[in-house]
mmCIF file of all heavy atoms, coordinates in Angstrom:
data_MODEL
# 
_entry.id   MODEL 
# 
loop_
_atom_site.group_PDB 
_atom_site.id 
_atom_site.type_symbol 
_atom_site.label_atom_id 
_atom_site.label_alt_id 
_atom_site.label_comp_id 
_atom_site.label_asym_id 
_atom_site.label_entity_id 
_atom_site.label_seq_id 
_atom_site.pdbx_PDB_ins_code 
_atom_site.Cartn_x 
_atom_site.Cartn_y 
_atom_site.Cartn_z 
_atom_site.occupancy 
_atom_site.B_iso_or_equiv 
_atom_site.pdbx_formal_charge 
_atom_site.auth_seq_id 
_atom_site.auth_comp_id 
_atom_site.auth_asym_id 
_atom_site.auth_atom_id 
_atom_site.pdbx_PDB_model_num 
ATOM 1   N N   . PRO A 1 1  ? 0.834  -1.214  0.000   1.00 0.00 ? 1  PRO A N   1 
ATOM 2   C CA  . PRO A 1 1  ? 0.000  0.000   0.000   1.00 0.00 ? 1  PRO A CA  1 
ATOM 3   C C   . PRO A 1 1  ? 0.865  1.259   0.000   1.00 0.00 ? 1  PRO A C   1 
ATOM 4   O O   . PRO A 1 1  ? 2.003  1.248   0.478   1.00 0.00 ? 1  PRO A O   1 
ATOM 5   C CB  . PRO A 1 1  ? -0.819 -0.124  1.293   1.00 0.00 ? 1  PRO A CB  1 
ATOM 6   C CG  . PRO A 1 1  ? -0.769 -1.572  1.644   1.00 0.00 ? 1  PRO A CG  1 
ATOM 7   C CD  . PRO A 1 1  ? 0.538  -2.083  1.146   1.00 0.00 ? 1  PRO A CD  1 
ATOM 8   N N   . PRO A 1 2  ? 0.363  2.366   -0.561  1.00 0.00 ? 2  PRO A N   1 
ATOM 9   C CA  . PRO A 1 2  ? 1.135  3.621   -0.574  1.00 0.00 ? 2  PRO A CA  1 
ATOM 10  C C   . PRO A 1 2  ? 1.541  4.028   0.840   1.00 0.00 ? 2  PRO A C   1 
ATOM 11  O O   . PRO A 1 2  ? 0.715  4.059   1.754   1.00 0.00 ? 2  PRO A O   1 
ATOM 12  C CB  . PRO A 1 2  ? 0.174  4.624   -1.213  1.00 0.00 ? 2  PRO A CB  1 
ATOM 13  C CG  . PRO A 1 2  ? -0.772 3.785   -2.017  1.00 0.00 ? 2  PRO A CG  1 
ATOM 14  C CD  . PRO A 1 2  ? -0.923 2.495   -1.274  1.00 0.00 ? 2  PRO A CD  1 
ATOM 15  N N   . GLN A 1 3  ? 2.818  4.333   1.003   1.00 0.00 ? 3  GLN A N   1 
ATOM 16  C CA  . GLN A 1 3  ? 3.374  4.700   2.294   1.00 0.00 ? 3  GLN A CA  1 
ATOM 17  C C   . GLN A 1 3  ? 3.794  6.171   2.274   1.00 0.00 ? 3  GLN A C   1 
ATOM 18  O O   . GLN A 1 3  ? 4.504  6.604   1.364   1.00 0.00 ? 3  GLN A O   1 
ATOM 19  C CB  . GLN A 1 3  ? 4.591  3.832   2.632   1.00 0.00 ? 3  GLN A CB  1 
ATOM 20  C CG  . GLN A 1 3  ? 4.302  2.329   2.635   1.00 0.00 ? 3  GLN A CG  1 
ATOM 21  C CD  . GLN A 1 3  ? 3.371  1.918   3.743   1.00 0.00 ? 3  GLN A CD  1 
ATOM 22  O OE1 . GLN A 1 3  ? 3.583  2.289   4.904   1.00 0.00 ? 3  GLN A OE1 1 
ATOM 23  N NE2 . GLN A 1 3  ? 2.347  1.153   3.414   1.00 0.00 ? 3  GLN A NE2 1 
ATOM 24  N N   . GLU A 1 4  ? 3.337  6.937   3.268   1.00 0.00 ? 4  GLU A N   1 
ATOM 25  C CA  . GLU A 1 4  ? 3.775  8.320   3.422   1.00 0.00 ? 4  GLU A CA  1 
ATOM 26  C C   . GLU A 1 4  ? 5.147  8.315   4.091   1.00 0.00 ? 4  GLU A C   1 
ATOM 27  O O   . GLU A 1 4  ? 5.288  7.904   5.236   1.00 0.00 ? 4  GLU A O   1 
ATOM 28  C CB  . GLU A 1 4  ? 2.775  9.107   4.266   1.00 0.00 ? 4  GLU A CB  1 
ATOM 29  C CG  . GLU A 1 4  ? 1.404  9.264   3.620   1.00 0.00 ? 4  GLU A CG  1 
ATOM 30  C CD  . GLU A 1 4  ? 1.445  10.206  2.418   1.00 0.00 ? 4  GLU A CD  1 
ATOM 31  O OE1 . GLU A 1 4  ? 2.375  11.043  2.362   1.00 0.00 ? 4  GLU A OE1 1 
ATOM 32  O OE2 . GLU A 1 4  ? 0.559  10.102  1.566   1.00 0.00 ? 4  GLU A OE2 1 
ATOM 33  N N   . ILE A 1 5  ? 6.147  8.777   3.349   1.00 0.00 ? 5  ILE A N   1 
ATOM 34  C CA  . ILE A 1 5  ? 7.534  8.669   3.793   1.00 0.00 ? 5  ILE A CA  1 
ATOM 35  C C   . ILE A 1 5  ? 8.162  10.051  3.830   1.00 0.00 ? 5  ILE A C   1 
ATOM 36  O O   . ILE A 1 5  ? 7.991  10.858  2.904   1.00 0.00 ? 5  ILE A O   1 
ATOM 37  C CB  . ILE A 1 5  ? 8.332  7.741   2.849   1.00 0.00 ? 5  ILE A CB  1 
ATOM 38  C CG1 . ILE A 1 5  ? 7.722  6.331   2.854   1.00 0.00 ? 5  ILE A CG1 1 
ATOM 39  C CG2 . ILE A 1 5  ? 9.795  7.685   3.252   1.00 0.00 ? 5  ILE A CG2 1 
ATOM 40  C CD1 . ILE A 1 5  ? 8.279  5.432   1.793   1.00 0.00 ? 5  ILE A CD1 1 
ATOM 41  N N   . LEU A 1 6  ? 8.899  10.341  4.899   1.00 0.00 ? 6  LEU A N   1 
ATOM 42  C CA  . LEU A 1 6  ? 9.677  11.571  5.022   1.00 0.00 ? 6  LEU A CA  1 
ATOM 43  C C   . LEU A 1 6  ? 11.108 11.266  4.594   1.00 0.00 ? 6  LEU A C   1 
ATOM 44  O O   . LEU A 1 6  ? 11.808 10.484  5.242   1.00 0.00 ? 6  LEU A O   1 
ATOM 45  C CB  . LEU A 1 6  ? 9.649  12.090  6.462   1.00 0.00 ? 6  LEU A CB  1 
ATOM 46  C CG  . LEU A 1 6  ? 10.355 13.436  6.710   1.00 0.00 ? 6  LEU A CG  1 
ATOM 47  C CD1 . LEU A 1 6  ? 9.652  14.549  5.933   1.00 0.00 ? 6  LEU A CD1 1 
ATOM 48  C CD2 . LEU A 1 6  ? 10.389 13.748  8.186   1.00 0.00 ? 6  LEU A CD2 1 
ATOM 49  N N   . THR A 1 7  ? 11.533 11.850  3.493   1.00 0.00 ? 7  THR A N   1 
ATOM 50  C CA  . THR A 1 7  ? 12.853 11.566  2.949   1.00 0.00 ? 7  THR A CA  1 
ATOM 51  C C   . THR A 1 7  ? 13.942 12.213  3.792   1.00 0.00 ? 7  THR A C   1 
ATOM 52  O O   . THR A 1 7  ? 13.679 12.950  4.743   1.00 0.00 ? 7  THR A O   1 
ATOM 53  C CB  . THR A 1 7  ? 12.949 12.062  1.495   1.00 0.00 ? 7  THR A CB  1 
ATOM 54  O OG1 . THR A 1 7  ? 12.771 13.483  1.484   1.00 0.00 ? 7  THR A OG1 1 
ATOM 55  C CG2 . THR A 1 7  ? 11.872 11.423  0.649   1.00 0.00 ? 7  THR A CG2 1 
ATOM 56  N N   . LYS A 1 8  ? 15.175 11.933  3.407   1.00 0.00 ? 8  LYS A N   1 
ATOM 57  C CA  . LYS A 1 8  ? 16.319 12.452  4.147   1.00 0.00 ? 8  LYS A CA  1 
ATOM 58  C C   . LYS A 1 8  ? 16.384 13.973  4.096   1.00 0.00 ? 8  LYS A C   1 
ATOM 59  O O   . LYS A 1 8  ? 16.862 14.608  5.047   1.00 0.00 ? 8  LYS A O   1 
ATOM 60  C CB  . LYS A 1 8  ? 17.599 11.834  3.591   1.00 0.00 ? 8  LYS A CB  1 
ATOM 61  C CG  . LYS A 1 8  ? 18.844 12.120  4.404   1.00 0.00 ? 8  LYS A CG  1 
ATOM 62  C CD  . LYS A 1 8  ? 20.039 11.395  3.811   1.00 0.00 ? 8  LYS A CD  1 
ATOM 63  C CE  . LYS A 1 8  ? 21.294 11.648  4.633   1.00 0.00 ? 8  LYS A CE  1 
ATOM 64  N NZ  . LYS A 1 8  ? 22.473 10.939  4.056   1.00 0.00 ? 8  LYS A NZ  1 
ATOM 65  N N   . ASP A 1 9  ? 15.921 14.569  2.989   1.00 0.00 ? 9  ASP A N   1 
ATOM 66  C CA  . ASP A 1 9  ? 15.928 16.029  2.865   1.00 0.00 ? 9  ASP A CA  1 
ATOM 67  C C   . ASP A 1 9  ? 14.584 16.646  3.257   1.00 0.00 ? 9  ASP A C   1 
ATOM 68  O O   . ASP A 1 9  ? 14.212 17.703  2.759   1.00 0.00 ? 9  ASP A O   1 
ATOM 69  C CB  . ASP A 1 9  ? 16.307 16.443  1.446   1.00 0.00 ? 9  ASP A CB  1 
ATOM 70  C CG  . ASP A 1 9  ? 15.504 15.706  0.392   1.00 0.00 ? 9  ASP A CG  1 
ATOM 71  O OD1 . ASP A 1 9  ? 14.724 14.809  0.768   1.00 0.00 ? 9  ASP A OD1 1 
ATOM 72  O OD2 . ASP A 1 9  ? 15.653 16.017  -0.792  1.00 0.00 ? 9  ASP A OD2 1 
ATOM 73  N N   . SER A 1 10 ? 13.823 15.947  4.118   1.00 0.00 ? 10 SER A N   1 
ATOM 74  C CA  . SER A 1 10 ? 12.590 16.467  4.731   1.00 0.00 ? 10 SER A CA  1 
ATOM 75  C C   . SER A 1 10 ? 11.507 16.783  3.703   1.00 0.00 ? 10 SER A C   1 
ATOM 76  O O   . SER A 1 10 ? 10.858 17.824  3.762   1.00 0.00 ? 10 SER A O   1 
ATOM 77  C CB  . SER A 1 10 ? 12.906 17.723  5.566   1.00 0.00 ? 10 SER A CB  1 
ATOM 78  O OG  . SER A 1 10 ? 13.839 17.431  6.581   1.00 0.00 ? 10 SER A OG  1 
ATOM 79  N N   . VAL A 1 11 ? 11.307 15.878  2.753   1.00 0.00 ? 11 VAL A N   1 
ATOM 80  C CA  . VAL A 1 11 ? 10.227 15.990  1.773   1.00 0.00 ? 11 VAL A CA  1 
ATOM 81  C C   . VAL A 1 11 ? 9.289  14.798  1.960   1.00 0.00 ? 11 VAL A C   1 
ATOM 82  O O   . VAL A 1 11 ? 9.741  13.653  2.015   1.00 0.00 ? 11 VAL A O   1 
ATOM 83  C CB  . VAL A 1 11 ? 10.768 16.021  0.330   1.00 0.00 ? 11 VAL A CB  1 
ATOM 84  C CG1 . VAL A 1 11 ? 9.621  16.082  -0.667  1.00 0.00 ? 11 VAL A CG1 1 
ATOM 85  C CG2 . VAL A 1 11 ? 11.698 17.221  0.140   1.00 0.00 ? 11 VAL A CG2 1 
ATOM 86  N N   . THR A 1 12 ? 8.003  15.072  2.075   1.00 0.00 ? 12 THR A N   1 
ATOM 87  C CA  . THR A 1 12 ? 7.020  14.006  2.254   1.00 0.00 ? 12 THR A CA  1 
ATOM 88  C C   . THR A 1 12 ? 6.556  13.497  0.896   1.00 0.00 ? 12 THR A C   1 
ATOM 89  O O   . THR A 1 12 ? 6.043  14.264  0.078   1.00 0.00 ? 12 THR A O   1 
ATOM 90  C CB  . THR A 1 12 ? 5.819  14.508  3.059   1.00 0.00 ? 12 THR A CB  1 
ATOM 91  O OG1 . THR A 1 12 ? 6.272  15.002  4.326   1.00 0.00 ? 12 THR A OG1 1 
ATOM 92  C CG2 . THR A 1 12 ? 4.824  13.388  3.290   1.00 0.00 ? 12 THR A CG2 1 
ATOM 93  N N   . VAL A 1 13 ? 6.724  12.207  0.646   1.00 0.00 ? 13 VAL A N   1 
ATOM 94  C CA  . VAL A 1 13 ? 6.312  11.585  -0.606  1.00 0.00 ? 13 VAL A CA  1 
ATOM 95  C C   . VAL A 1 13 ? 5.488  10.340  -0.293  1.00 0.00 ? 13 VAL A C   1 
ATOM 96  O O   . VAL A 1 13 ? 5.592  9.757   0.800   1.00 0.00 ? 13 VAL A O   1 
ATOM 97  C CB  . VAL A 1 13 ? 7.524  11.205  -1.492  1.00 0.00 ? 13 VAL A CB  1 
ATOM 98  C CG1 . VAL A 1 13 ? 8.281  12.443  -1.930  1.00 0.00 ? 13 VAL A CG1 1 
ATOM 99  C CG2 . VAL A 1 13 ? 8.463  10.257  -0.749  1.00 0.00 ? 13 VAL A CG2 1 
ATOM 100 N N   . SER A 1 14 ? 4.677  9.940   -1.247  1.00 0.00 ? 14 SER A N   1 
ATOM 101 C CA  . SER A 1 14 ? 3.871  8.719   -1.142  1.00 0.00 ? 14 SER A CA  1 
ATOM 102 C C   . SER A 1 14 ? 4.404  7.709   -2.155  1.00 0.00 ? 14 SER A C   1 
ATOM 103 O O   . SER A 1 14 ? 4.413  7.983   -3.358  1.00 0.00 ? 14 SER A O   1 
ATOM 104 C CB  . SER A 1 14 ? 2.392  9.025   -1.412  1.00 0.00 ? 14 SER A CB  1 
ATOM 105 O OG  . SER A 1 14 ? 1.618  7.836   -1.348  1.00 0.00 ? 14 SER A OG  1 
ATOM 106 N N   . VAL A 1 15 ? 4.842  6.557   -1.659  1.00 0.00 ? 15 VAL A N   1 
ATOM 107 C CA  . VAL A 1 15 ? 5.498  5.558   -2.502  1.00 0.00 ? 15 VAL A CA  1 
ATOM 108 C C   . VAL A 1 15 ? 4.796  4.219   -2.311  1.00 0.00 ? 15 VAL A C   1 
ATOM 109 O O   . VAL A 1 15 ? 4.478  3.827   -1.185  1.00 0.00 ? 15 VAL A O   1 
ATOM 110 C CB  . VAL A 1 15 ? 6.993  5.420   -2.152  1.00 0.00 ? 15 VAL A CB  1 
ATOM 111 C CG1 . VAL A 1 15 ? 7.679  4.437   -3.094  1.00 0.00 ? 15 VAL A CG1 1 
ATOM 112 C CG2 . VAL A 1 15 ? 7.687  6.775   -2.201  1.00 0.00 ? 15 VAL A CG2 1 
ATOM 113 N N   . ASP A 1 16 ? 4.549  3.515   -3.426  1.00 0.00 ? 16 ASP A N   1 
ATOM 114 C CA  . ASP A 1 16 ? 4.051  2.146   -3.358  1.00 0.00 ? 16 ASP A CA  1 
ATOM 115 C C   . ASP A 1 16 ? 4.954  1.246   -4.184  1.00 0.00 ? 16 ASP A C   1 
ATOM 116 O O   . ASP A 1 16 ? 5.725  1.712   -5.022  1.00 0.00 ? 16 ASP A O   1 
ATOM 117 C CB  . ASP A 1 16 ? 2.602  2.042   -3.828  1.00 0.00 ? 16 ASP A CB  1 
ATOM 118 C CG  . ASP A 1 16 ? 2.420  2.585   -5.237  1.00 0.00 ? 16 ASP A CG  1 
ATOM 119 O OD1 . ASP A 1 16 ? 3.374  3.134   -5.788  1.00 0.00 ? 16 ASP A OD1 1 
ATOM 120 O OD2 . ASP A 1 16 ? 1.313  2.448   -5.787  1.00 0.00 ? 16 ASP A OD2 1 
ATOM 121 N N   . ALA A 1 17 ? 4.846  -0.056  -3.931  1.00 0.00 ? 17 ALA A N   1 
ATOM 122 C CA  . ALA A 1 17 ? 5.739  -1.017  -4.580  1.00 0.00 ? 17 ALA A CA  1 
ATOM 123 C C   . ALA A 1 17 ? 5.004  -2.332  -4.766  1.00 0.00 ? 17 ALA A C   1 
ATOM 124 O O   . ALA A 1 17 ? 3.872  -2.521  -4.283  1.00 0.00 ? 17 ALA A O   1 
ATOM 125 C CB  . ALA A 1 17 ? 7.007  -1.225  -3.743  1.00 0.00 ? 17 ALA A CB  1 
ATOM 126 N N   . VAL A 1 18 ? 5.652  -3.256  -5.481  1.00 0.00 ? 18 VAL A N   1 
ATOM 127 C CA  . VAL A 1 18 ? 5.127  -4.609  -5.671  1.00 0.00 ? 18 VAL A CA  1 
ATOM 128 C C   . VAL A 1 18 ? 6.240  -5.592  -5.320  1.00 0.00 ? 18 VAL A C   1 
ATOM 129 O O   . VAL A 1 18 ? 7.410  -5.363  -5.653  1.00 0.00 ? 18 VAL A O   1 
ATOM 130 C CB  . VAL A 1 18 ? 4.625  -4.819  -7.119  1.00 0.00 ? 18 VAL A CB  1 
ATOM 131 C CG1 . VAL A 1 18 ? 5.743  -4.596  -8.126  1.00 0.00 ? 18 VAL A CG1 1 
ATOM 132 C CG2 . VAL A 1 18 ? 4.021  -6.204  -7.294  1.00 0.00 ? 18 VAL A CG2 1 
ATOM 133 N N   . VAL A 1 19 ? 5.865  -6.668  -4.618  1.00 0.00 ? 19 VAL A N   1 
ATOM 134 C CA  . VAL A 1 19 ? 6.823  -7.655  -4.129  1.00 0.00 ? 19 VAL A CA  1 
ATOM 135 C C   . VAL A 1 19 ? 6.452  -9.027  -4.681  1.00 0.00 ? 19 VAL A C   1 
ATOM 136 O O   . VAL A 1 19 ? 5.266  -9.400  -4.671  1.00 0.00 ? 19 VAL A O   1 
ATOM 137 C CB  . VAL A 1 19 ? 6.860  -7.685  -2.584  1.00 0.00 ? 19 VAL A CB  1 
ATOM 138 C CG1 . VAL A 1 19 ? 7.834  -8.747  -2.085  1.00 0.00 ? 19 VAL A CG1 1 
ATOM 139 C CG2 . VAL A 1 19 ? 7.234  -6.320  -2.029  1.00 0.00 ? 19 VAL A CG2 1 
ATOM 140 N N   . TYR A 1 20 ? 7.457  -9.763  -5.150  1.00 0.00 ? 20 TYR A N   1 
ATOM 141 C CA  . TYR A 1 20 ? 7.274  -11.130 -5.637  1.00 0.00 ? 20 TYR A CA  1 
ATOM 142 C C   . TYR A 1 20 ? 8.064  -12.071 -4.713  1.00 0.00 ? 20 TYR A C   1 
ATOM 143 O O   . TYR A 1 20 ? 9.269  -11.871 -4.514  1.00 0.00 ? 20 TYR A O   1 
ATOM 144 C CB  . TYR A 1 20 ? 7.789  -11.273 -7.069  1.00 0.00 ? 20 TYR A CB  1 
ATOM 145 C CG  . TYR A 1 20 ? 7.083  -10.385 -8.070  1.00 0.00 ? 20 TYR A CG  1 
ATOM 146 C CD1 . TYR A 1 20 ? 7.520  -9.084  -8.291  1.00 0.00 ? 20 TYR A CD1 1 
ATOM 147 C CD2 . TYR A 1 20 ? 5.986  -10.845 -8.783  1.00 0.00 ? 20 TYR A CD2 1 
ATOM 148 C CE1 . TYR A 1 20 ? 6.881  -8.263  -9.203  1.00 0.00 ? 20 TYR A CE1 1 
ATOM 149 C CE2 . TYR A 1 20 ? 5.338  -10.032 -9.703  1.00 0.00 ? 20 TYR A CE2 1 
ATOM 150 C CZ  . TYR A 1 20 ? 5.789  -8.745  -9.904  1.00 0.00 ? 20 TYR A CZ  1 
ATOM 151 O OH  . TYR A 1 20 ? 5.160  -7.926  -10.806 1.00 0.00 ? 20 TYR A OH  1 
ATOM 152 N N   . TYR A 1 21 ? 7.391  -13.069 -4.166  1.00 0.00 ? 21 TYR A N   1 
ATOM 153 C CA  . TYR A 1 21 ? 8.060  -14.002 -3.261  1.00 0.00 ? 21 TYR A CA  1 
ATOM 154 C C   . TYR A 1 21 ? 7.439  -15.381 -3.413  1.00 0.00 ? 21 TYR A C   1 
ATOM 155 O O   . TYR A 1 21 ? 6.367  -15.548 -4.005  1.00 0.00 ? 21 TYR A O   1 
ATOM 156 C CB  . TYR A 1 21 ? 7.956  -13.518 -1.813  1.00 0.00 ? 21 TYR A CB  1 
ATOM 157 C CG  . TYR A 1 21 ? 6.568  -13.662 -1.222  1.00 0.00 ? 21 TYR A CG  1 
ATOM 158 C CD1 . TYR A 1 21 ? 6.225  -14.779 -0.461  1.00 0.00 ? 21 TYR A CD1 1 
ATOM 159 C CD2 . TYR A 1 21 ? 5.589  -12.698 -1.424  1.00 0.00 ? 21 TYR A CD2 1 
ATOM 160 C CE1 . TYR A 1 21 ? 4.953  -14.919 0.080   1.00 0.00 ? 21 TYR A CE1 1 
ATOM 161 C CE2 . TYR A 1 21 ? 4.328  -12.830 -0.893  1.00 0.00 ? 21 TYR A CE2 1 
ATOM 162 C CZ  . TYR A 1 21 ? 4.020  -13.935 -0.141  1.00 0.00 ? 21 TYR A CZ  1 
ATOM 163 O OH  . TYR A 1 21 ? 2.758  -14.080 0.376   1.00 0.00 ? 21 TYR A OH  1 
ATOM 164 N N   . ARG A 1 22 ? 8.107  -16.374 -2.838  1.00 0.00 ? 22 ARG A N   1 
ATOM 165 C CA  . ARG A 1 22 ? 7.606  -17.748 -2.839  1.00 0.00 ? 22 ARG A CA  1 
ATOM 166 C C   . ARG A 1 22 ? 8.087  -18.446 -1.572  1.00 0.00 ? 22 ARG A C   1 
ATOM 167 O O   . ARG A 1 22 ? 9.041  -18.001 -0.922  1.00 0.00 ? 22 ARG A O   1 
ATOM 168 C CB  . ARG A 1 22 ? 8.079  -18.511 -4.077  1.00 0.00 ? 22 ARG A CB  1 
ATOM 169 C CG  . ARG A 1 22 ? 9.590  -18.622 -4.186  1.00 0.00 ? 22 ARG A CG  1 
ATOM 170 C CD  . ARG A 1 22 ? 10.002 -19.371 -5.440  1.00 0.00 ? 22 ARG A CD  1 
ATOM 171 N NE  . ARG A 1 22 ? 11.437 -19.359 -5.635  1.00 0.00 ? 22 ARG A NE  1 
ATOM 172 C CZ  . ARG A 1 22 ? 12.287 -20.210 -5.073  1.00 0.00 ? 22 ARG A CZ  1 
ATOM 173 N NH1 . ARG A 1 22 ? 11.821 -21.166 -4.258  1.00 0.00 ? 22 ARG A NH1 1 
ATOM 174 N NH2 . ARG A 1 22 ? 13.578 -20.126 -5.306  1.00 0.00 ? 22 ARG A NH2 1 
ATOM 175 N N   . VAL A 1 23 ? 7.408  -19.532 -1.241  1.00 0.00 ? 23 VAL A N   1 
ATOM 176 C CA  . VAL A 1 23 ? 7.806  -20.334 -0.079  1.00 0.00 ? 23 VAL A CA  1 
ATOM 177 C C   . VAL A 1 23 ? 8.962  -21.237 -0.498  1.00 0.00 ? 23 VAL A C   1 
ATOM 178 O O   . VAL A 1 23 ? 8.843  -22.029 -1.436  1.00 0.00 ? 23 VAL A O   1 
ATOM 179 C CB  . VAL A 1 23 ? 6.622  -21.163 0.438   1.00 0.00 ? 23 VAL A CB  1 
ATOM 180 C CG1 . VAL A 1 23 ? 7.077  -22.068 1.576   1.00 0.00 ? 23 VAL A CG1 1 
ATOM 181 C CG2 . VAL A 1 23 ? 5.498  -20.253 0.901   1.00 0.00 ? 23 VAL A CG2 1 
ATOM 182 N N   . ASN A 1 24 ? 10.082 -21.085 0.181   1.00 0.00 ? 24 ASN A N   1 
ATOM 183 C CA  . ASN A 1 24 ? 11.279 -21.860 -0.147  1.00 0.00 ? 24 ASN A CA  1 
ATOM 184 C C   . ASN A 1 24 ? 11.377 -23.137 0.680   1.00 0.00 ? 24 ASN A C   1 
ATOM 185 O O   . ASN A 1 24 ? 11.936 -24.131 0.229   1.00 0.00 ? 24 ASN A O   1 
ATOM 186 C CB  . ASN A 1 24 ? 12.518 -20.984 0.075   1.00 0.00 ? 24 ASN A CB  1 
ATOM 187 C CG  . ASN A 1 24 ? 13.773 -21.610 -0.488  1.00 0.00 ? 24 ASN A CG  1 
ATOM 188 O OD1 . ASN A 1 24 ? 13.730 -22.283 -1.508  1.00 0.00 ? 24 ASN A OD1 1 
ATOM 189 N ND2 . ASN A 1 24 ? 14.897 -21.403 0.177   1.00 0.00 ? 24 ASN A ND2 1 
ATOM 190 N N   . ASN A 1 25 ? 10.852 -23.115 1.895   1.00 0.00 ? 25 ASN A N   1 
ATOM 191 C CA  . ASN A 1 25 ? 10.882 -24.279 2.785   1.00 0.00 ? 25 ASN A CA  1 
ATOM 192 C C   . ASN A 1 25 ? 9.516  -24.377 3.449   1.00 0.00 ? 25 ASN A C   1 
ATOM 193 O O   . ASN A 1 25 ? 9.182  -23.568 4.317   1.00 0.00 ? 25 ASN A O   1 
ATOM 194 C CB  . ASN A 1 25 ? 11.994 -24.125 3.828   1.00 0.00 ? 25 ASN A CB  1 
ATOM 195 C CG  . ASN A 1 25 ? 12.226 -25.401 4.620   1.00 0.00 ? 25 ASN A CG  1 
ATOM 196 O OD1 . ASN A 1 25 ? 11.291 -26.066 5.040   1.00 0.00 ? 25 ASN A OD1 1 
ATOM 197 N ND2 . ASN A 1 25 ? 13.497 -25.736 4.826   1.00 0.00 ? 25 ASN A ND2 1 
ATOM 198 N N   . ALA A 1 26 ? 8.737  -25.350 3.029   1.00 0.00 ? 26 ALA A N   1 
ATOM 199 C CA  . ALA A 1 26 ? 7.361  -25.459 3.516   1.00 0.00 ? 26 ALA A CA  1 
ATOM 200 C C   . ALA A 1 26 ? 7.308  -25.753 5.007   1.00 0.00 ? 26 ALA A C   1 
ATOM 201 O O   . ALA A 1 26 ? 6.467  -25.206 5.733   1.00 0.00 ? 26 ALA A O   1 
ATOM 202 C CB  . ALA A 1 26 ? 6.625  -26.552 2.734   1.00 0.00 ? 26 ALA A CB  1 
# 
């Protein structure tokens, strides 16, 4: 989900991402 993040130079941005994963050891 979009995350409200305060960057190192004090700027507020909204960033989202997508993650791909799998179960390696059941």
